[in-house]
């Protein structure tokens, strides 16, 4: 009897460990980090590209209000962070 309860506890612990990495929509943490990294890259890239023409994303305009240099560096950091996030999540783990 004792062995059966131990096996059921181990199997329930394994299923919990597997389930905690899957979000309700069926995506894993790696998928979410990849999407966030991709969005950071796209937002940073389009913000720099649009600023060349004189257009700004309204929700990123606060960066340029502090300083133009700060806004540019923050957008470059967004692009770099997005690339790093996507690259790190897509690497194979040893």
C-alpha atoms as a PDB file:
ATOM      1  CA  UNK A   1       0.000   0.000   0.000  1.00  0.00           C
ATOM      2  CA  UNK A   2       2.789   2.374   0.854  1.00  0.00           C
ATOM      3  CA  UNK A   3       4.541   1.835  -2.461  1.00  0.00           C
ATOM      4  CA  UNK A   4       1.382   2.683  -4.448  1.00  0.00           C
ATOM      5  CA  UNK A   5       0.939   6.004  -2.663  1.00  0.00           C
ATOM      6  CA  UNK A   6       4.603   6.873  -3.277  1.00  0.00           C
ATOM      7  CA  UNK A   7       4.252   6.160  -6.989  1.00  0.00           C
ATOM      8  CA  UNK A   8       1.117   8.287  -7.270  1.00  0.00           C
ATOM      9  CA  UNK A   9       2.825  11.154  -5.424  1.00  0.00           C
ATOM     10  CA  UNK A  10       5.824  10.989  -7.763  1.00  0.00           C
ATOM     11  CA  UNK A  11       3.659  10.872 -10.884  1.00  0.00           C
ATOM     12  CA  UNK A  12       1.548  13.801  -9.680  1.00  0.00           C
ATOM     13  CA  UNK A  13       4.719  15.793  -8.919  1.00  0.00           C
ATOM     14  CA  UNK A  14       6.041  15.079 -12.424  1.00  0.00           C
ATOM     15  CA  UNK A  15       2.794  16.165 -14.056  1.00  0.00           C
ATOM     16  CA  UNK A  16       2.806  19.370 -11.972  1.00  0.00           C
ATOM     17  CA  UNK A  17       6.401  20.088 -13.011  1.00  0.00           C
ATOM     18  CA  UNK A  18       5.466  19.635 -16.654  1.00  0.00           C
ATOM     19  CA  UNK A  19       2.277  21.689 -16.365  1.00  0.00           C
ATOM     20  CA  UNK A  20       3.836  24.673 -14.635  1.00  0.00           C
ATOM     21  CA  UNK A  21       5.878  25.532 -17.736  1.00  0.00           C
ATOM     22  CA  UNK A  22       2.858  25.568 -20.030  1.00  0.00           C
ATOM     23  CA  UNK A  23       0.690  28.666 -19.997  1.00  0.00           C
ATOM     24  CA  UNK A  24      -3.094  28.447 -20.262  1.00  0.00           C
ATOM     25  CA  UNK A  25      -2.988  29.201 -23.985  1.00  0.00           C
ATOM     26  CA  UNK A  26      -0.655  26.254 -24.600  1.00  0.00           C
ATOM     27  CA  UNK A  27       2.536  28.287 -25.009  1.00  0.00           C
ATOM     28  CA  UNK A  28       5.724  27.622 -23.097  1.00  0.00           C
ATOM     29  CA  UNK A  29       7.883  30.262 -21.432  1.00  0.00           C
ATOM     30  CA  UNK A  30      10.316  30.064 -24.334  1.00  0.00           C
ATOM     31  CA  UNK A  31       7.525  30.951 -26.739  1.00  0.00           C
ATOM     32  CA  UNK A  32       6.486  33.950 -24.664  1.00  0.00           C
ATOM     33  CA  UNK A  33      10.071  35.214 -24.343  1.00  0.00           C
ATOM     34  CA  UNK A  34      10.526  34.798 -28.104  1.00  0.00           C
ATOM     35  CA  UNK A  35       7.402  36.850 -28.815  1.00  0.00           C
ATOM     36  CA  UNK A  36       8.444  39.578 -26.365  1.00  0.00           C
ATOM     37  CA  UNK A  37      11.925  39.693 -27.908  1.00  0.00           C
ATOM     38  CA  UNK A  38      10.475  39.892 -31.403  1.00  0.00           C
ATOM     39  CA  UNK A  39       8.154  42.725 -30.349  1.00  0.00           C
ATOM     40  CA  UNK A  40      11.030  44.626 -28.737  1.00  0.00           C
ATOM     41  CA  UNK A  41      13.060  44.280 -31.922  1.00  0.00           C
ATOM     42  CA  UNK A  42      10.208  45.375 -34.186  1.00  0.00           C
ATOM     43  CA  UNK A  43       9.218  48.324 -31.978  1.00  0.00           C
ATOM     44  CA  UNK A  44      12.801  49.541 -31.663  1.00  0.00           C
ATOM     45  CA  UNK A  45      13.532  49.139 -35.358  1.00  0.00           C
ATOM     46  CA  UNK A  46      10.346  50.828 -36.527  1.00  0.00           C
ATOM     47  CA  UNK A  47      10.783  53.634 -33.982  1.00  0.00           C
ATOM     48  CA  UNK A  48      14.247  54.437 -35.352  1.00  0.00           C
ATOM     49  CA  UNK A  49      13.081  54.098 -38.945  1.00  0.00           C
ATOM     50  CA  UNK A  50      10.056  56.332 -38.394  1.00  0.00           C
ATOM     51  CA  UNK A  51      12.131  58.932 -36.569  1.00  0.00           C
ATOM     52  CA  UNK A  52      14.210  59.358 -39.726  1.00  0.00           C
ATOM     53  CA  UNK A  53      11.057  60.654 -41.409  1.00  0.00           C
ATOM     54  CA  UNK A  54       9.938  62.698 -38.412  1.00  0.00           C
ATOM     55  CA  UNK A  55       7.182  60.400 -37.178  1.00  0.00           C
ATOM     56  CA  UNK A  56       7.151  58.990 -33.639  1.00  0.00           C
ATOM     57  CA  UNK A  57       5.288  56.229 -31.881  1.00  0.00           C
ATOM     58  CA  UNK A  58       3.119  58.053 -29.349  1.00  0.00           C
ATOM     59  CA  UNK A  59       3.784  55.539 -26.559  1.00  0.00           C
ATOM     60  CA  UNK A  60       7.571  55.834 -27.058  1.00  0.00           C
ATOM     61  CA  UNK A  61       7.632  59.640 -27.313  1.00  0.00           C
ATOM     62  CA  UNK A  62       8.514  59.994 -23.628  1.00  0.00           C
ATOM     63  CA  UNK A  63      11.989  58.681 -24.445  1.00  0.00           C
ATOM     64  CA  UNK A  64      12.634  61.532 -26.844  1.00  0.00           C
ATOM     65  CA  UNK A  65      11.253  64.096 -24.393  1.00  0.00           C
ATOM     66  CA  UNK A  66      14.031  63.264 -21.918  1.00  0.00           C
ATOM     67  CA  UNK A  67      16.718  63.702 -24.549  1.00  0.00           C
ATOM     68  CA  UNK A  68      17.094  62.843 -28.206  1.00  0.00           C
ATOM     69  CA  UNK A  69      20.272  60.909 -27.471  1.00  0.00           C
ATOM     70  CA  UNK A  70      18.563  58.994 -24.649  1.00  0.00           C
ATOM     71  CA  UNK A  71      15.690  58.103 -26.979  1.00  0.00           C
ATOM     72  CA  UNK A  72      18.057  56.860 -29.667  1.00  0.00           C
ATOM     73  CA  UNK A  73      20.133  54.784 -27.239  1.00  0.00           C
ATOM     74  CA  UNK A  74      16.999  53.330 -25.624  1.00  0.00           C
ATOM     75  CA  UNK A  75      15.681  52.265 -29.043  1.00  0.00           C
ATOM     76  CA  UNK A  76      19.024  50.693 -29.947  1.00  0.00           C
ATOM     77  CA  UNK A  77      18.940  48.832 -26.616  1.00  0.00           C
ATOM     78  CA  UNK A  78      15.417  47.631 -27.412  1.00  0.00           C
ATOM     79  CA  UNK A  79      16.672  46.176 -30.689  1.00  0.00           C
ATOM     80  CA  UNK A  80      19.700  44.505 -29.066  1.00  0.00           C
ATOM     81  CA  UNK A  81      17.614  43.113 -26.188  1.00  0.00           C
ATOM     82  CA  UNK A  82      15.090  41.694 -28.649  1.00  0.00           C
ATOM     83  CA  UNK A  83      17.786  39.960 -30.672  1.00  0.00           C
ATOM     84  CA  UNK A  84      19.433  38.557 -27.538  1.00  0.00           C
ATOM     85  CA  UNK A  85      16.121  37.293 -26.146  1.00  0.00           C
ATOM     86  CA  UNK A  86      15.219  35.495 -29.370  1.00  0.00           C
ATOM     87  CA  UNK A  87      18.720  34.069 -29.779  1.00  0.00           C
ATOM     88  CA  UNK A  88      18.927  32.820 -26.200  1.00  0.00           C
ATOM     89  CA  UNK A  89      15.552  31.107 -26.260  1.00  0.00           C
ATOM     90  CA  UNK A  90      16.238  29.402 -29.573  1.00  0.00           C
ATOM     91  CA  UNK A  91      19.615  27.960 -28.539  1.00  0.00           C
ATOM     92  CA  UNK A  92      19.705  24.304 -27.700  1.00  0.00           C
ATOM     93  CA  UNK A  93      20.262  23.552 -24.028  1.00  0.00           C
ATOM     94  CA  UNK A  94      22.968  21.007 -23.154  1.00  0.00           C
END
